[in-house]
Amino acid sequence: MPCSNSGDGMEKIFAIGDIHGCLSKLENLIPQIGINSEEDALVFIGDYIDRGPDSSGVVDFVLDLRKKIRRVICLKGNHEQMFLDYVCLNKNEGLYLSNGGVATIGSYGYRKTPGGRKIDIPDSHMNFFHSLLLWYETDDYIFVHAGLRDDLPLKEQDPQDMLWLRHEFILSSHDFGKTVVFGHTPMSHANPLFRPGRIGIDTGAVYGGFLTCVELPSKRIYQA
């Protein structure tokens, strides 16, 4: 399974922050951005699921966008990793359920099997979760869910750090040679974070804040 991809020749990049099951905000956001389905790229920064009311609906919506837009890049968030650990490996149940997993399970429901009840997750959704990338890189930007460790090449970064880092990355002055676009840590419910070499686009959609999209390279902001 690949954990990165490279892009070039893109006219614009639109990056969307943590959705967390807030389907209505995603539905309101997408029509605003005016993406060119052939030339532009749409990057999701991870955390599609958990806490919000319609995680399965968010995944359906993203899968549908993949049919309409040629370049849709979907990164993995820590919540997708917790989901996979719980569903596929039967580990960290308490951690997952206490971090919004109950809402995701409720959005899928259960089906009866010979061995008892099983979460009713469509194969297309499981394939989606397994296909998510840890990072995405272009000539000018690195996209990652949570952050990066200083002085480590992308290929040597710990996946755990890419999914879970917070202030040690955000507050670092390290120059990665490109602007790092990330989510995971909502610094505000309204305003994305702009620091030298850093753009943070988690604005707490599931906590009553905005769902944010940044257009690059213009840095224009769209919100729902």
Protein backbone atom coordinates (compact mmCIF):
# COMPACT_ATOMS: atom_id res chain seq x y z
CA MET A 1 0.00 0.00 0.00
CA PRO A 2 1.54 3.36 -0.98
CA CYS A 3 1.94 6.02 1.69
CA SER A 4 2.77 8.95 -0.56
CA ASN A 5 2.23 10.38 -3.97
CA SER A 6 3.75 13.19 -5.97
CA GLY A 7 1.98 15.80 -8.05
CA ASP A 8 3.05 18.35 -10.60
CA GLY A 9 1.56 20.52 -13.28
CA MET A 10 -1.39 21.47 -11.10
CA GLU A 11 -3.19 24.73 -11.64
CA LYS A 12 -4.67 24.97 -8.14
CA ILE A 13 -4.77 22.82 -5.03
CA PHE A 14 -7.73 22.87 -2.65
CA ALA A 15 -7.04 21.32 0.77
CA ILE A 16 -9.86 20.52 3.19
CA GLY A 17 -9.43 20.08 6.93
CA ASP A 18 -10.83 17.59 9.44
CA ILE A 19 -14.47 16.73 8.67
CA HIS A 20 -15.31 14.32 11.52
CA GLY A 21 -18.66 13.16 10.19
CA CYS A 22 -19.99 16.67 9.51
CA LEU A 23 -21.53 15.82 6.15
CA SER A 24 -23.74 18.90 5.88
CA LYS A 25 -20.73 21.21 6.23
CA LEU A 26 -18.85 19.29 3.53
CA GLU A 27 -21.89 19.44 1.24
CA ASN A 28 -22.05 23.22 1.77
CA LEU A 29 -18.32 23.72 1.28
CA ILE A 30 -17.67 21.91 -2.00
CA PRO A 31 -19.93 24.11 -4.21
CA GLN A 32 -18.10 27.22 -2.95
CA ILE A 33 -14.65 26.34 -4.17
CA GLY A 34 -15.25 26.14 -7.93
CA ILE A 35 -12.75 23.39 -8.58
CA ASN A 36 -11.81 22.57 -12.17
CA SER A 37 -12.44 18.82 -12.27
CA GLU A 38 -9.72 18.19 -14.86
CA GLU A 39 -6.92 20.57 -13.87
CA ASP A 40 -7.14 21.20 -10.11
CA ALA A 41 -6.38 18.92 -7.17
CA LEU A 42 -8.52 18.31 -4.10
CA VAL A 43 -6.66 17.14 -0.99
CA PHE A 44 -8.41 15.83 2.11
CA ILE A 45 -6.20 16.10 5.17
CA GLY A 46 -7.76 13.15 7.06
CA ASP A 47 -10.21 12.56 9.92
CA TYR A 48 -13.32 12.01 7.82
CA ILE A 49 -14.99 10.05 10.62
CA ASP A 50 -15.84 9.97 14.36
CA ARG A 51 -17.65 12.34 16.69
CA GLY A 52 -19.97 13.87 14.07
CA PRO A 53 -23.40 12.60 12.99
CA ASP A 54 -22.72 10.99 9.59
CA SER A 55 -19.30 9.42 9.11
CA SER A 56 -20.53 6.87 6.58
CA GLY A 57 -22.21 9.66 4.62
CA VAL A 58 -18.95 11.61 4.49
CA VAL A 59 -17.11 8.61 3.03
CA ASP A 60 -19.88 8.13 0.44
CA PHE A 61 -19.60 11.81 -0.50
CA VAL A 62 -15.82 11.65 -0.89
CA LEU A 63 -16.07 8.47 -2.98
CA ASP A 64 -18.58 10.22 -5.23
CA LEU A 65 -16.22 13.20 -5.63
CA ARG A 66 -13.54 10.79 -6.82
CA LYS A 67 -15.78 9.93 -9.75
CA LYS A 68 -16.24 13.58 -10.71
CA ILE A 69 -12.82 15.12 -10.03
CA ARG A 70 -9.71 13.66 -11.62
CA ARG A 71 -7.25 14.51 -8.83
CA VAL A 72 -8.62 13.69 -5.38
CA ILE A 73 -5.94 12.88 -2.82
CA CYS A 74 -7.12 11.38 0.47
CA LEU A 75 -4.80 11.33 3.46
CA LYS A 76 -5.15 9.22 6.57
CA GLY A 77 -5.92 10.80 9.93
CA ASN A 78 -5.37 9.35 13.38
CA HIS A 79 -9.10 8.58 13.57
CA GLU A 80 -8.97 6.41 10.47
CA GLN A 81 -5.99 4.57 11.98
CA MET A 82 -7.89 4.01 15.25
CA PHE A 83 -10.87 2.79 13.24
CA LEU A 84 -8.73 0.28 11.32
CA ASP A 85 -7.03 -0.90 14.51
CA TYR A 86 -10.41 -1.51 16.12
CA VAL A 87 -12.26 -3.05 13.17
CA CYS A 88 -9.45 -5.07 11.57
CA LEU A 89 -7.18 -5.90 14.51
CA ASN A 90 -9.63 -5.80 17.42
CA LYS A 91 -7.28 -3.56 19.40
CA ASN A 92 -7.57 -0.31 21.34
CA GLU A 93 -11.37 -0.57 21.65
CA GLY A 94 -11.52 1.77 24.62
CA LEU A 95 -9.33 4.38 22.95
CA TYR A 96 -11.37 4.33 19.77
CA LEU A 97 -14.84 4.33 21.29
CA SER A 98 -13.94 7.12 23.74
CA ASN A 99 -12.65 9.27 20.86
CA GLY A 100 -15.84 9.40 18.83
CA GLY A 101 -15.91 5.87 17.46
CA VAL A 102 -19.38 5.23 18.86
CA ALA A 103 -20.80 7.80 16.44
CA THR A 104 -19.09 6.13 13.48
CA ILE A 105 -20.32 2.67 14.42
CA GLY A 106 -23.81 4.09 14.81
CA SER A 107 -23.65 5.61 11.33
CA TYR A 108 -22.90 2.18 9.82
CA GLY A 109 -25.08 0.01 12.04
CA TYR A 110 -24.85 -3.74 12.34
CA ARG A 111 -25.77 -6.78 10.31
CA LYS A 112 -26.33 -10.34 11.45
CA THR A 113 -23.69 -12.95 10.61
CA PRO A 114 -23.38 -16.64 11.57
CA GLY A 115 -20.94 -15.56 14.26
CA GLY A 116 -23.17 -12.81 15.62
CA ARG A 117 -23.51 -9.11 14.86
CA LYS A 118 -20.89 -7.35 12.74
CA ILE A 119 -20.48 -3.67 11.88
CA ASP A 120 -22.05 -3.20 8.45
CA ILE A 121 -19.22 -1.48 6.58
CA PRO A 122 -19.42 -1.62 2.75
CA ASP A 123 -16.40 -3.09 0.97
CA SER A 124 -15.97 0.21 -0.91
CA HIS A 125 -15.55 2.00 2.43
CA MET A 126 -13.04 -0.53 3.77
CA ASN A 127 -11.06 -0.22 0.53
CA PHE A 128 -11.13 3.55 0.99
CA PHE A 129 -9.77 3.37 4.54
CA HIS A 130 -7.01 0.99 3.48
CA SER A 131 -6.04 3.20 0.52
CA LEU A 132 -5.43 6.40 2.50
CA LEU A 133 -2.01 8.04 2.14
CA LEU A 134 0.18 9.24 4.99
CA TRP A 135 1.46 12.23 3.04
CA TYR A 136 1.33 13.96 -0.31
CA GLU A 137 3.99 16.20 -1.81
CA THR A 138 4.15 18.73 -4.63
CA ASP A 139 6.93 21.10 -5.71
CA ASP A 140 5.90 23.66 -3.09
CA TYR A 141 3.85 21.84 -0.44
CA ILE A 142 3.79 18.84 1.86
CA PHE A 143 0.37 17.69 3.03
CA VAL A 144 0.15 15.57 6.19
CA HIS A 145 -2.52 15.01 8.80
CA ALA A 146 -0.77 16.04 12.01
CA GLY A 147 2.86 17.04 11.49
CA LEU A 148 6.49 16.08 10.91
CA ARG A 149 9.61 15.66 13.02
CA ASP A 150 12.44 18.12 12.46
CA ASP A 151 15.45 17.05 10.40
CA LEU A 152 13.93 13.83 9.05
CA PRO A 153 13.24 13.19 5.35
CA LEU A 154 9.64 12.34 4.53
CA LYS A 155 10.44 8.69 3.89
CA GLU A 156 12.02 8.37 7.34
CA GLN A 157 9.17 9.99 9.28
CA ASP A 158 7.34 7.80 11.80
CA PRO A 159 3.73 7.19 10.67
CA GLN A 160 2.65 7.63 14.30
CA ASP A 161 4.10 11.15 14.31
CA MET A 162 2.43 11.99 10.99
CA LEU A 163 -0.93 11.07 12.54
CA TRP A 164 -0.56 12.36 16.11
CA LEU A 165 2.00 15.19 16.46
CA ARG A 166 0.75 18.49 17.76
CA HIS A 167 2.59 21.44 19.31
CA GLU A 168 6.15 20.11 18.95
CA PHE A 169 5.59 20.39 15.19
CA ILE A 170 3.38 23.48 15.11
CA LEU A 171 5.65 25.58 17.32
CA SER A 172 8.89 24.40 15.76
CA SER A 173 10.73 26.87 13.52
CA HIS A 174 12.27 24.09 11.44
CA ASP A 175 12.19 24.73 7.69
CA PHE A 176 11.14 21.65 5.72
CA GLY A 177 11.93 23.41 2.43
CA LYS A 178 8.23 23.51 1.55
CA THR A 179 5.07 24.74 3.25
CA VAL A 180 3.49 21.99 5.34
CA VAL A 181 -0.33 21.92 5.22
CA PHE A 182 -1.85 19.98 8.10
CA GLY A 183 -4.93 19.43 10.25
CA HIS A 184 -5.47 17.49 13.50
CA THR A 185 -5.03 20.39 15.94
CA PRO A 186 -7.73 23.09 15.86
CA MET A 187 -6.06 26.31 16.95
CA SER A 188 -9.28 28.27 16.38
CA HIS A 189 -12.88 27.51 15.44
CA ALA A 190 -12.80 30.23 12.79
CA ASN A 191 -9.31 31.10 11.64
CA PRO A 192 -6.81 28.76 9.98
CA LEU A 193 -3.23 28.92 11.24
CA PHE A 194 -0.70 30.69 9.04
CA ARG A 195 2.92 30.59 10.21
CA PRO A 196 6.15 30.55 8.19
CA GLY A 197 6.23 27.14 6.54
CA ARG A 198 2.96 26.02 8.19
CA ILE A 199 -0.72 26.19 7.28
CA GLY A 200 -3.12 24.57 9.75
CA ILE A 201 -6.63 24.01 8.42
CA ASP A 202 -8.43 22.19 11.23
CA THR A 203 -10.91 24.75 12.54
CA GLY A 204 -12.96 22.44 14.75
CA ALA A 205 -15.89 21.67 12.44
CA VAL A 206 -17.23 19.00 14.78
CA TYR A 207 -16.96 21.32 17.80
CA GLY A 208 -19.14 24.03 16.28
CA GLY A 209 -16.39 25.68 14.24
CA PHE A 210 -16.01 25.98 10.50
CA LEU A 211 -15.00 23.32 8.01
CA THR A 212 -12.14 25.02 6.17
CA CYS A 213 -10.64 24.73 2.70
CA VAL A 214 -7.50 26.59 1.62
CA GLU A 215 -6.82 27.24 -2.05
CA LEU A 216 -3.17 27.18 -3.04
CA PRO A 217 -1.08 28.99 -3.98
CA SER A 218 -3.41 31.98 -3.46
CA LYS A 219 -4.14 31.03 0.22
CA ARG A 220 -7.77 31.95 -0.33
CA ILE A 221 -10.01 30.51 2.38
CA TYR A 222 -13.45 28.90 1.96
CA GLN A 223 -15.55 27.87 4.96
CA ALA A 224 -18.85 26.25 5.85
